[in-house]
Amino acid sequence: ALTSIILPYDESFIGLTRADILQVNPLILAFMSHDR
């Protein structure tokens, strides 16, 4: 939760990589981080 936040199988299910999500809206990963 403090490093990658989402794991490869998360990326595979979502269809987006961590970098893709950061490019769209960095707050999405921050929000997911706070739940995790």
PDB file of all heavy atoms in Angstrom:
ATOM      1  N   ALA A   1       0.824  -1.211   0.000  1.00  0.00           N
ATOM      2  CA  ALA A   1       0.000   0.000   0.000  1.00  0.00           C
ATOM      3  C   ALA A   1       0.859   1.262   0.000  1.00  0.00           C
ATOM      4  O   ALA A   1       0.451   2.312  -0.521  1.00  0.00           O
ATOM      5  CB  ALA A   1      -0.932   0.001   1.201  1.00  0.00           C
ATOM      6  N   LEU A   2       2.067   1.153   0.559  1.00  0.00           N
ATOM      7  CA  LEU A   2       2.961   2.309   0.617  1.00  0.00           C
ATOM      8  C   LEU A   2       3.816   2.447  -0.643  1.00  0.00           C
ATOM      9  O   LEU A   2       4.420   3.499  -0.869  1.00  0.00           O
ATOM     10  CB  LEU A   2       3.881   2.193   1.834  1.00  0.00           C
ATOM     11  CG  LEU A   2       3.225   2.436   3.204  1.00  0.00           C
ATOM     12  CD1 LEU A   2       4.202   2.088   4.318  1.00  0.00           C
ATOM     13  CD2 LEU A   2       2.769   3.880   3.330  1.00  0.00           C
ATOM     14  N   THR A   3       3.902   1.392  -1.442  1.00  0.00           N
ATOM     15  CA  THR A   3       4.786   1.425  -2.616  1.00  0.00           C
ATOM     16  C   THR A   3       3.970   1.409  -3.911  1.00  0.00           C
ATOM     17  O   THR A   3       3.551   2.450  -4.399  1.00  0.00           O
ATOM     18  CB  THR A   3       5.772   0.242  -2.555  1.00  0.00           C
ATOM     19  OG1 THR A   3       5.041  -0.997  -2.394  1.00  0.00           O
ATOM     20  CG2 THR A   3       6.741   0.391  -1.384  1.00  0.00           C
ATOM     21  N   SER A   4       3.724   0.227  -4.447  1.00  0.00           N
ATOM     22  CA  SER A   4       3.066   0.146  -5.751  1.00  0.00           C
ATOM     23  C   SER A   4       1.566   0.402  -5.690  1.00  0.00           C
ATOM     24  O   SER A   4       0.946   0.766  -6.687  1.00  0.00           O
ATOM     25  CB  SER A   4       3.318  -1.233  -6.372  1.00  0.00           C
ATOM     26  OG  SER A   4       2.753  -2.243  -5.562  1.00  0.00           O
ATOM     27  N   ILE A   5       0.973   0.220  -4.542  1.00  0.00           N
ATOM     28  CA  ILE A   5      -0.472   0.387  -4.293  1.00  0.00           C
ATOM     29  C   ILE A   5      -1.276  -0.719  -4.973  1.00  0.00           C
ATOM     30  O   ILE A   5      -1.990  -1.467  -4.327  1.00  0.00           O
ATOM     31  CB  ILE A   5      -1.007   1.769  -4.718  1.00  0.00           C
ATOM     32  CG1 ILE A   5      -0.235   2.868  -3.986  1.00  0.00           C
ATOM     33  CG2 ILE A   5      -2.519   1.859  -4.425  1.00  0.00           C
ATOM     34  CD1 ILE A   5      -0.629   4.276  -4.400  1.00  0.00           C
ATOM     35  N   ILE A   6      -1.200  -0.798  -6.308  1.00  0.00           N
ATOM     36  CA  ILE A   6      -1.906  -1.877  -6.992  1.00  0.00           C
ATOM     37  C   ILE A   6      -0.892  -2.879  -7.523  1.00  0.00           C
ATOM     38  O   ILE A   6       0.255  -2.524  -7.820  1.00  0.00           O
ATOM     39  CB  ILE A   6      -2.795  -1.359  -8.150  1.00  0.00           C
ATOM     40  CG1 ILE A   6      -1.971  -0.602  -9.184  1.00  0.00           C
ATOM     41  CG2 ILE A   6      -3.918  -0.497  -7.620  1.00  0.00           C
ATOM     42  CD1 ILE A   6      -2.774  -0.194 -10.419  1.00  0.00           C
ATOM     43  N   LEU A   7      -1.312  -4.130  -7.626  1.00  0.00           N
ATOM     44  CA  LEU A   7      -0.436  -5.218  -8.035  1.00  0.00           C
ATOM     45  C   LEU A   7      -0.730  -5.609  -9.486  1.00  0.00           C
ATOM     46  O   LEU A   7      -1.747  -5.199 -10.055  1.00  0.00           O
ATOM     47  CB  LEU A   7      -0.629  -6.403  -7.100  1.00  0.00           C
ATOM     48  CG  LEU A   7      -0.254  -6.115  -5.629  1.00  0.00           C
ATOM     49  CD1 LEU A   7      -0.639  -7.277  -4.739  1.00  0.00           C
ATOM     50  CD2 LEU A   7       1.237  -5.824  -5.504  1.00  0.00           C
ATOM     51  N   PRO A   8       0.153  -6.420 -10.090  1.00  0.00           N
ATOM     52  CA  PRO A   8      -0.038  -6.775 -11.509  1.00  0.00           C
ATOM     53  C   PRO A   8      -1.411  -7.364 -11.825  1.00  0.00           C
ATOM     54  O   PRO A   8      -1.976  -7.057 -12.881  1.00  0.00           O
ATOM     55  CB  PRO A   8       1.082  -7.794 -11.753  1.00  0.00           C
ATOM     56  CG  PRO A   8       2.164  -7.389 -10.804  1.00  0.00           C
ATOM     57  CD  PRO A   8       1.457  -6.896  -9.582  1.00  0.00           C
ATOM     58  N   TYR A   9      -1.962  -8.198 -10.923  1.00  0.00           N
ATOM     59  CA  TYR A   9      -3.275  -8.776 -11.242  1.00  0.00           C
ATOM     60  C   TYR A   9      -4.370  -7.720 -11.161  1.00  0.00           C
ATOM     61  O   TYR A   9      -5.412  -7.835 -11.808  1.00  0.00           O
ATOM     62  CB  TYR A   9      -3.581  -9.994 -10.373  1.00  0.00           C
ATOM     63  CG  TYR A   9      -3.584  -9.745  -8.879  1.00  0.00           C
ATOM     64  CD1 TYR A   9      -4.701  -9.207  -8.247  1.00  0.00           C
ATOM     65  CD2 TYR A   9      -2.484 -10.085  -8.100  1.00  0.00           C
ATOM     66  CE1 TYR A   9      -4.713  -8.986  -6.881  1.00  0.00           C
ATOM     67  CE2 TYR A   9      -2.481  -9.876  -6.739  1.00  0.00           C
ATOM     68  CZ  TYR A   9      -3.595  -9.328  -6.123  1.00  0.00           C
ATOM     69  OH  TYR A   9      -3.598  -9.113  -4.767  1.00  0.00           O
ATOM     70  N   ASP A  10      -4.170  -6.679 -10.319  1.00  0.00           N
ATOM     71  CA  ASP A  10      -5.110  -5.549 -10.319  1.00  0.00           C
ATOM     72  C   ASP A  10      -5.077  -4.838 -11.678  1.00  0.00           C
ATOM     73  O   ASP A  10      -6.122  -4.520 -12.265  1.00  0.00           O
ATOM     74  CB  ASP A  10      -4.750  -4.545  -9.213  1.00  0.00           C
ATOM     75  CG  ASP A  10      -4.934  -5.105  -7.817  1.00  0.00           C
ATOM     76  OD1 ASP A  10      -5.914  -5.842  -7.609  1.00  0.00           O
ATOM     77  OD2 ASP A  10      -4.112  -4.786  -6.939  1.00  0.00           O
ATOM     78  N   GLU A  11      -3.854  -4.592 -12.164  1.00  0.00           N
ATOM     79  CA  GLU A  11      -3.696  -3.910 -13.459  1.00  0.00           C
ATOM     80  C   GLU A  11      -4.317  -4.726 -14.578  1.00  0.00           C
ATOM     81  O   GLU A  11      -4.961  -4.175 -15.486  1.00  0.00           O
ATOM     82  CB  GLU A  11      -2.210  -3.681 -13.735  1.00  0.00           C
ATOM     83  CG  GLU A  11      -1.540  -2.713 -12.770  1.00  0.00           C
ATOM     84  CD  GLU A  11      -0.052  -2.565 -13.030  1.00  0.00           C
ATOM     85  OE1 GLU A  11       0.569  -3.534 -13.505  1.00  0.00           O
ATOM     86  OE2 GLU A  11       0.498  -1.479 -12.754  1.00  0.00           O
ATOM     87  N   SER A  12      -4.121  -6.044 -14.501  1.00  0.00           N
ATOM     88  CA  SER A  12      -4.674  -6.906 -15.537  1.00  0.00           C
ATOM     89  C   SER A  12      -6.193  -6.855 -15.556  1.00  0.00           C
ATOM     90  O   SER A  12      -6.817  -6.789 -16.632  1.00  0.00           O
ATOM     91  CB  SER A  12      -4.201  -8.347 -15.314  1.00  0.00           C
ATOM     92  OG  SER A  12      -4.796  -9.225 -16.237  1.00  0.00           O
ATOM     93  N   PHE A  13      -6.813  -6.854 -14.377  1.00  0.00           N
ATOM     94  CA  PHE A  13      -8.272  -6.822 -14.297  1.00  0.00           C
ATOM     95  C   PHE A  13      -8.817  -5.462 -14.744  1.00  0.00           C
ATOM     96  O   PHE A  13      -9.809  -5.386 -15.484  1.00  0.00           O
ATOM     97  CB  PHE A  13      -8.735  -7.129 -12.865  1.00  0.00           C
ATOM     98  CG  PHE A  13     -10.229  -7.138 -12.690  1.00  0.00           C
ATOM     99  CD1 PHE A  13     -10.981  -8.229 -13.077  1.00  0.00           C
ATOM    100  CD2 PHE A  13     -10.887  -6.041 -12.142  1.00  0.00           C
ATOM    101  CE1 PHE A  13     -12.359  -8.237 -12.930  1.00  0.00           C
ATOM    102  CE2 PHE A  13     -12.265  -6.037 -11.986  1.00  0.00           C
ATOM    103  CZ  PHE A  13     -13.004  -7.144 -12.382  1.00  0.00           C
ATOM    104  N   ILE A  14      -8.155  -4.394 -14.304  1.00  0.00           N
ATOM    105  CA  ILE A  14      -8.617  -3.050 -14.670  1.00  0.00           C
ATOM    106  C   ILE A  14      -8.385  -2.775 -16.149  1.00  0.00           C
ATOM    107  O   ILE A  14      -9.174  -2.067 -16.799  1.00  0.00           O
ATOM    108  CB  ILE A  14      -7.905  -1.983 -13.803  1.00  0.00           C
ATOM    109  CG1 ILE A  14      -8.284  -2.154 -12.318  1.00  0.00           C
ATOM    110  CG2 ILE A  14      -8.259  -0.569 -14.247  1.00  0.00           C
ATOM    111  CD1 ILE A  14      -7.456  -1.309 -11.366  1.00  0.00           C
ATOM    112  N   GLY A  15      -7.300  -3.321 -16.689  1.00  0.00           N
ATOM    113  CA  GLY A  15      -6.955  -3.053 -18.088  1.00  0.00           C
ATOM    114  C   GLY A  15      -6.090  -1.828 -18.242  1.00  0.00           C
ATOM    115  O   GLY A  15      -5.877  -1.346 -19.362  1.00  0.00           O
ATOM    116  N   LEU A  16      -5.565  -1.329 -17.150  1.00  0.00           N
ATOM    117  CA  LEU A  16      -4.690  -0.150 -17.155  1.00  0.00           C
ATOM    118  C   LEU A  16      -3.521  -0.408 -16.224  1.00  0.00           C
ATOM    119  O   LEU A  16      -3.660  -1.067 -15.185  1.00  0.00           O
ATOM    120  CB  LEU A  16      -5.446   1.099 -16.682  1.00  0.00           C
ATOM    121  CG  LEU A  16      -6.631   1.581 -17.529  1.00  0.00           C
ATOM    122  CD1 LEU A  16      -7.394   2.674 -16.793  1.00  0.00           C
ATOM    123  CD2 LEU A  16      -6.140   2.099 -18.882  1.00  0.00           C
ATOM    124  N   THR A  17      -2.371   0.132 -16.581  1.00  0.00           N
ATOM    125  CA  THR A  17      -1.213   0.026 -15.697  1.00  0.00           C
ATOM    126  C   THR A  17      -1.257   1.151 -14.664  1.00  0.00           C
ATOM    127  O   THR A  17      -2.050   2.091 -14.769  1.00  0.00           O
ATOM    128  CB  THR A  17       0.096   0.133 -16.485  1.00  0.00           C
ATOM    129  OG1 THR A  17       0.177   1.445 -17.057  1.00  0.00           O
ATOM    130  CG2 THR A  17       0.154  -0.927 -17.581  1.00  0.00           C
ATOM    131  N   ARG A  18      -0.373   1.040 -13.705  1.00  0.00           N
ATOM    132  CA  ARG A  18      -0.268   2.090 -12.680  1.00  0.00           C
ATOM    133  C   ARG A  18       0.047   3.429 -13.326  1.00  0.00           C
ATOM    134  O   ARG A  18      -0.534   4.461 -12.955  1.00  0.00           O
ATOM    135  CB  ARG A  18       0.818   1.694 -11.682  1.00  0.00           C
ATOM    136  CG  ARG A  18       1.009   2.647 -10.510  1.00  0.00           C
ATOM    137  CD  ARG A  18       2.049   2.093  -9.546  1.00  0.00           C
ATOM    138  NE  ARG A  18       2.158   2.907  -8.358  1.00  0.00           N
ATOM    139  CZ  ARG A  18       2.919   3.986  -8.238  1.00  0.00           C
ATOM    140  NH1 ARG A  18       3.648   4.366  -9.300  1.00  0.00           N
ATOM    141  NH2 ARG A  18       2.971   4.670  -7.118  1.00  0.00           N
ATOM    142  N   ALA A  19       0.937   3.417 -14.296  1.00  0.00           N
ATOM    143  CA  ALA A  19       1.314   4.659 -14.989  1.00  0.00           C
ATOM    144  C   ALA A  19       0.128   5.240 -15.749  1.00  0.00           C
ATOM    145  O   ALA A  19      -0.059   6.476 -15.789  1.00  0.00           O
ATOM    146  CB  ALA A  19       2.473   4.394 -15.938  1.00  0.00           C
ATOM    147  N   ASP A  20      -0.685   4.370 -16.369  1.00  0.00           N
ATOM    148  CA  ASP A  20      -1.862   4.845 -17.099  1.00  0.00           C
ATOM    149  C   ASP A  20      -2.828   5.574 -16.161  1.00  0.00           C
ATOM    150  O   ASP A  20      -3.355   6.645 -16.498  1.00  0.00           O
ATOM    151  CB  ASP A  20      -2.588   3.673 -17.763  1.00  0.00           C
ATOM    152  CG  ASP A  20      -1.772   3.035 -18.868  1.00  0.00           C
ATOM    153  OD1 ASP A  20      -0.925   3.745 -19.441  1.00  0.00           O
ATOM    154  OD2 ASP A  20      -1.979   1.834 -19.132  1.00  0.00           O
ATOM    155  N   ILE A  21      -3.044   4.987 -14.969  1.00  0.00           N
ATOM    156  CA  ILE A  21      -3.989   5.587 -14.018  1.00  0.00           C
ATOM    157  C   ILE A  21      -3.449   6.924 -13.519  1.00  0.00           C
ATOM    158  O   ILE A  21      -4.194   7.906 -13.388  1.00  0.00           O
ATOM    159  CB  ILE A  21      -4.255   4.625 -12.848  1.00  0.00           C
ATOM    160  CG1 ILE A  21      -4.935   3.349 -13.352  1.00  0.00           C
ATOM    161  CG2 ILE A  21      -5.131   5.289 -11.784  1.00  0.00           C
ATOM    162  CD1 ILE A  21      -5.081   2.266 -12.296  1.00  0.00           C
ATOM    163  N   LEU A  22      -2.138   6.979 -13.268  1.00  0.00           N
ATOM    164  CA  LEU A  22      -1.531   8.232 -12.814  1.00  0.00           C
ATOM    165  C   LEU A  22      -1.680   9.318 -13.881  1.00  0.00           C
ATOM    166  O   LEU A  22      -1.873  10.493 -13.565  1.00  0.00           O
ATOM    167  CB  LEU A  22      -0.053   8.015 -12.489  1.00  0.00           C
ATOM    168  CG  LEU A  22       0.261   7.298 -11.167  1.00  0.00           C
ATOM    169  CD1 LEU A  22       1.753   6.979 -11.066  1.00  0.00           C
ATOM    170  CD2 LEU A  22      -0.168   8.164  -9.970  1.00  0.00           C
ATOM    171  N   GLN A  23      -1.594   8.917 -15.112  1.00  0.00           N
ATOM    172  CA  GLN A  23      -1.692   9.893 -16.196  1.00  0.00           C
ATOM    173  C   GLN A  23      -3.116  10.442 -16.319  1.00  0.00           C
ATOM    174  O   GLN A  23      -3.314  11.627 -16.592  1.00  0.00           O
ATOM    175  CB  GLN A  23      -1.258   9.246 -17.518  1.00  0.00           C
ATOM    176  CG  GLN A  23      -1.105  10.232 -18.658  1.00  0.00           C
ATOM    177  CD  GLN A  23      -0.520   9.574 -19.902  1.00  0.00           C
ATOM    178  OE1 GLN A  23      -0.344   8.357 -19.941  1.00  0.00           O
ATOM    179  NE2 GLN A  23      -0.200  10.376 -20.901  1.00  0.00           N
ATOM    180  N   VAL A  24      -4.099   9.586 -16.059  1.00  0.00           N
ATOM    181  CA  VAL A  24      -5.501  10.025 -16.158  1.00  0.00           C
ATOM    182  C   VAL A  24      -5.860  10.915 -14.981  1.00  0.00           C
ATOM    183  O   VAL A  24      -6.400  12.024 -15.149  1.00  0.00           O
ATOM    184  CB  VAL A  24      -6.448   8.806 -16.223  1.00  0.00           C
ATOM    185  CG1 VAL A  24      -7.912   9.260 -16.169  1.00  0.00           C
ATOM    186  CG2 VAL A  24      -6.189   7.997 -17.474  1.00  0.00           C
ATOM    187  N   ASN A  25      -5.594  10.423 -13.759  1.00  0.00           N
ATOM    188  CA  ASN A  25      -5.927  11.179 -12.541  1.00  0.00           C
ATOM    189  C   ASN A  25      -5.143  10.589 -11.373  1.00  0.00           C
ATOM    190  O   ASN A  25      -5.481   9.511 -10.874  1.00  0.00           O
ATOM    191  CB  ASN A  25      -7.428  11.120 -12.258  1.00  0.00           C
ATOM    192  CG  ASN A  25      -7.825  11.978 -11.045  1.00  0.00           C
ATOM    193  OD1 ASN A  25      -6.968  12.514 -10.347  1.00  0.00           O
ATOM    194  ND2 ASN A  25      -9.118  12.089 -10.800  1.00  0.00           N
ATOM    195  N   PRO A  26      -4.082  11.269 -10.913  1.00  0.00           N
ATOM    196  CA  PRO A  26      -3.262  10.730  -9.810  1.00  0.00           C
ATOM    197  C   PRO A  26      -4.067  10.495  -8.525  1.00  0.00           C
ATOM    198  O   PRO A  26      -3.672   9.685  -7.681  1.00  0.00           O
ATOM    199  CB  PRO A  26      -2.207  11.826  -9.596  1.00  0.00           C
ATOM    200  CG  PRO A  26      -2.196  12.621 -10.863  1.00  0.00           C
ATOM    201  CD  PRO A  26      -3.580  12.559 -11.403  1.00  0.00           C
ATOM    202  N   LEU A  27      -5.180  11.202  -8.374  1.00  0.00           N
ATOM    203  CA  LEU A  27      -5.967  11.061  -7.152  1.00  0.00           C
ATOM    204  C   LEU A  27      -6.646   9.691  -7.050  1.00  0.00           C
ATOM    205  O   LEU A  27      -7.035   9.275  -5.956  1.00  0.00           O
ATOM    206  CB  LEU A  27      -7.022  12.160  -7.080  1.00  0.00           C
ATOM    207  CG  LEU A  27      -6.500  13.595  -6.924  1.00  0.00           C
ATOM    208  CD1 LEU A  27      -7.644  14.593  -6.935  1.00  0.00           C
ATOM    209  CD2 LEU A  27      -5.699  13.721  -5.628  1.00  0.00           C
ATOM    210  N   ILE A  28      -6.799   8.999  -8.180  1.00  0.00           N
ATOM    211  CA  ILE A  28      -7.434   7.673  -8.140  1.00  0.00           C
ATOM    212  C   ILE A  28      -6.560   6.707  -7.333  1.00  0.00           C
ATOM    213  O   ILE A  28      -7.047   5.990  -6.449  1.00  0.00           O
ATOM    214  CB  ILE A  28      -7.673   7.132  -9.565  1.00  0.00           C
ATOM    215  CG1 ILE A  28      -8.685   8.010 -10.300  1.00  0.00           C
ATOM    216  CG2 ILE A  28      -8.166   5.677  -9.501  1.00  0.00           C
ATOM    217  CD1 ILE A  28      -8.885   7.602 -11.755  1.00  0.00           C
ATOM    218  N   LEU A  29      -5.258   6.692  -7.635  1.00  0.00           N
ATOM    219  CA  LEU A  29      -4.354   5.812  -6.887  1.00  0.00           C
ATOM    220  C   LEU A  29      -4.247   6.239  -5.429  1.00  0.00           C
ATOM    221  O   LEU A  29      -4.157   5.399  -4.531  1.00  0.00           O
ATOM    222  CB  LEU A  29      -2.976   5.802  -7.532  1.00  0.00           C
ATOM    223  CG  LEU A  29      -2.781   4.853  -8.723  1.00  0.00           C
ATOM    224  CD1 LEU A  29      -1.340   4.917  -9.215  1.00  0.00           C
ATOM    225  CD2 LEU A  29      -3.136   3.420  -8.348  1.00  0.00           C
ATOM    226  N   ALA A  30      -4.234   7.541  -5.199  1.00  0.00           N
ATOM    227  CA  ALA A  30      -4.192   8.027  -3.813  1.00  0.00           C
ATOM    228  C   ALA A  30      -5.425   7.555  -3.047  1.00  0.00           C
ATOM    229  O   ALA A  30      -5.327   7.131  -1.885  1.00  0.00           O
ATOM    230  CB  ALA A  30      -4.104   9.549  -3.799  1.00  0.00           C
ATOM    231  N   PHE A  31      -6.571   7.616  -3.715  1.00  0.00           N
ATOM    232  CA  PHE A  31      -7.808   7.181  -3.078  1.00  0.00           C
ATOM    233  C   PHE A  31      -7.763   5.677  -2.778  1.00  0.00           C
ATOM    234  O   PHE A  31      -8.164   5.237  -1.694  1.00  0.00           O
ATOM    235  CB  PHE A  31      -8.997   7.507  -3.982  1.00  0.00           C
ATOM    236  CG  PHE A  31     -10.321   7.162  -3.386  1.00  0.00           C
ATOM    237  CD1 PHE A  31     -10.928   8.014  -2.473  1.00  0.00           C
ATOM    238  CD2 PHE A  31     -10.977   5.981  -3.725  1.00  0.00           C
ATOM    239  CE1 PHE A  31     -12.146   7.687  -1.897  1.00  0.00           C
ATOM    240  CE2 PHE A  31     -12.193   5.659  -3.161  1.00  0.00           C
ATOM    241  CZ  PHE A  31     -12.788   6.511  -2.249  1.00  0.00           C
ATOM    242  N   MET A  32      -7.276   4.889  -3.745  1.00  0.00           N
ATOM    243  CA  MET A  32      -7.163   3.448  -3.529  1.00  0.00           C
ATOM    244  C   MET A  32      -6.158   3.144  -2.413  1.00  0.00           C
ATOM    245  O   MET A  32      -6.351   2.218  -1.621  1.00  0.00           O
ATOM    246  CB  MET A  32      -6.748   2.757  -4.834  1.00  0.00           C
ATOM    247  CG  MET A  32      -7.794   2.864  -5.937  1.00  0.00           C
ATOM    248  SD  MET A  32      -7.249   2.111  -7.497  1.00  0.00           S
ATOM    249  CE  MET A  32      -7.310   0.374  -7.059  1.00  0.00           C
ATOM    250  N   SER A  33      -5.111   3.956  -2.357  1.00  0.00           N
ATOM    251  CA  SER A  33      -4.103   3.780  -1.309  1.00  0.00           C
ATOM    252  C   SER A  33      -4.717   3.982   0.078  1.00  0.00           C
ATOM    253  O   SER A  33      -4.411   3.241   1.013  1.00  0.00           O
ATOM    254  CB  SER A  33      -2.955   4.759  -1.520  1.00  0.00           C
ATOM    255  OG  SER A  33      -2.081   4.757  -0.403  1.00  0.00           O
ATOM    256  N   HIS A  34      -5.600   4.960   0.207  1.00  0.00           N
ATOM    257  CA  HIS A  34      -6.154   5.261   1.539  1.00  0.00           C
ATOM    258  C   HIS A  34      -7.054   4.122   2.022  1.00  0.00           C
ATOM    259  O   HIS A  34      -7.076   3.788   3.204  1.00  0.00           O
ATOM    260  CB  HIS A  34      -6.856   6.624   1.518  1.00  0.00           C
ATOM    261  CG  HIS A  34      -8.333   6.608   1.629  1.00  0.00           C
ATOM    262  ND1 HIS A  34      -9.156   6.268   0.583  1.00  0.00           N
ATOM    263  CD2 HIS A  34      -9.156   6.923   2.672  1.00  0.00           C
ATOM    264  CE1 HIS A  34     -10.422   6.378   0.960  1.00  0.00           C
ATOM    265  NE2 HIS A  34     -10.451   6.767   2.230  1.00  0.00           N
ATOM    266  N   ASP A  35      -7.787   3.455   1.128  1.00  0.00           N
ATOM    267  CA  ASP A  35      -8.585   2.292   1.528  1.00  0.00           C
ATOM    268  C   ASP A  35      -7.698   1.121   1.934  1.00  0.00           C
ATOM    269  O   ASP A  35      -7.940   0.440   2.933  1.00  0.00           O
ATOM    270  CB  ASP A  35      -9.504   1.864   0.381  1.00  0.00           C
ATOM    271  CG  ASP A  35     -10.853   2.583   0.422  1.00  0.00           C
ATOM    272  OD1 ASP A  35     -11.158   3.209   1.459  1.00  0.00           O
ATOM    273  OD2 ASP A  35     -11.590   2.536  -0.585  1.00  0.00           O
ATOM    274  N   ARG A  36      -6.648   0.907   1.134  1.00  0.00           N
ATOM    275  CA  ARG A  36      -5.775  -0.241   1.392  1.00  0.00           C
ATOM    276  C   ARG A  36      -4.921  -0.023   2.641  1.00  0.00           C
ATOM    277  O   ARG A  36      -4.644  -0.969   3.388  1.00  0.00           O
ATOM    278  CB  ARG A  36      -4.922  -0.530   0.159  1.00  0.00           C
ATOM    279  CG  ARG A  36      -5.787  -0.942  -1.030  1.00  0.00           C
ATOM    280  CD  ARG A  36      -5.033  -1.513  -2.194  1.00  0.00           C
ATOM    281  NE  ARG A  36      -5.974  -2.086  -3.171  1.00  0.00           N
ATOM    282  CZ  ARG A  36      -5.626  -2.873  -4.167  1.00  0.00           C
ATOM    283  NH1 ARG A  36      -4.345  -3.181  -4.364  1.00  0.00           N
ATOM    284  NH2 ARG A  36      -6.544  -3.355  -4.987  1.00  0.00           N
TER     285      ARG A  36
END
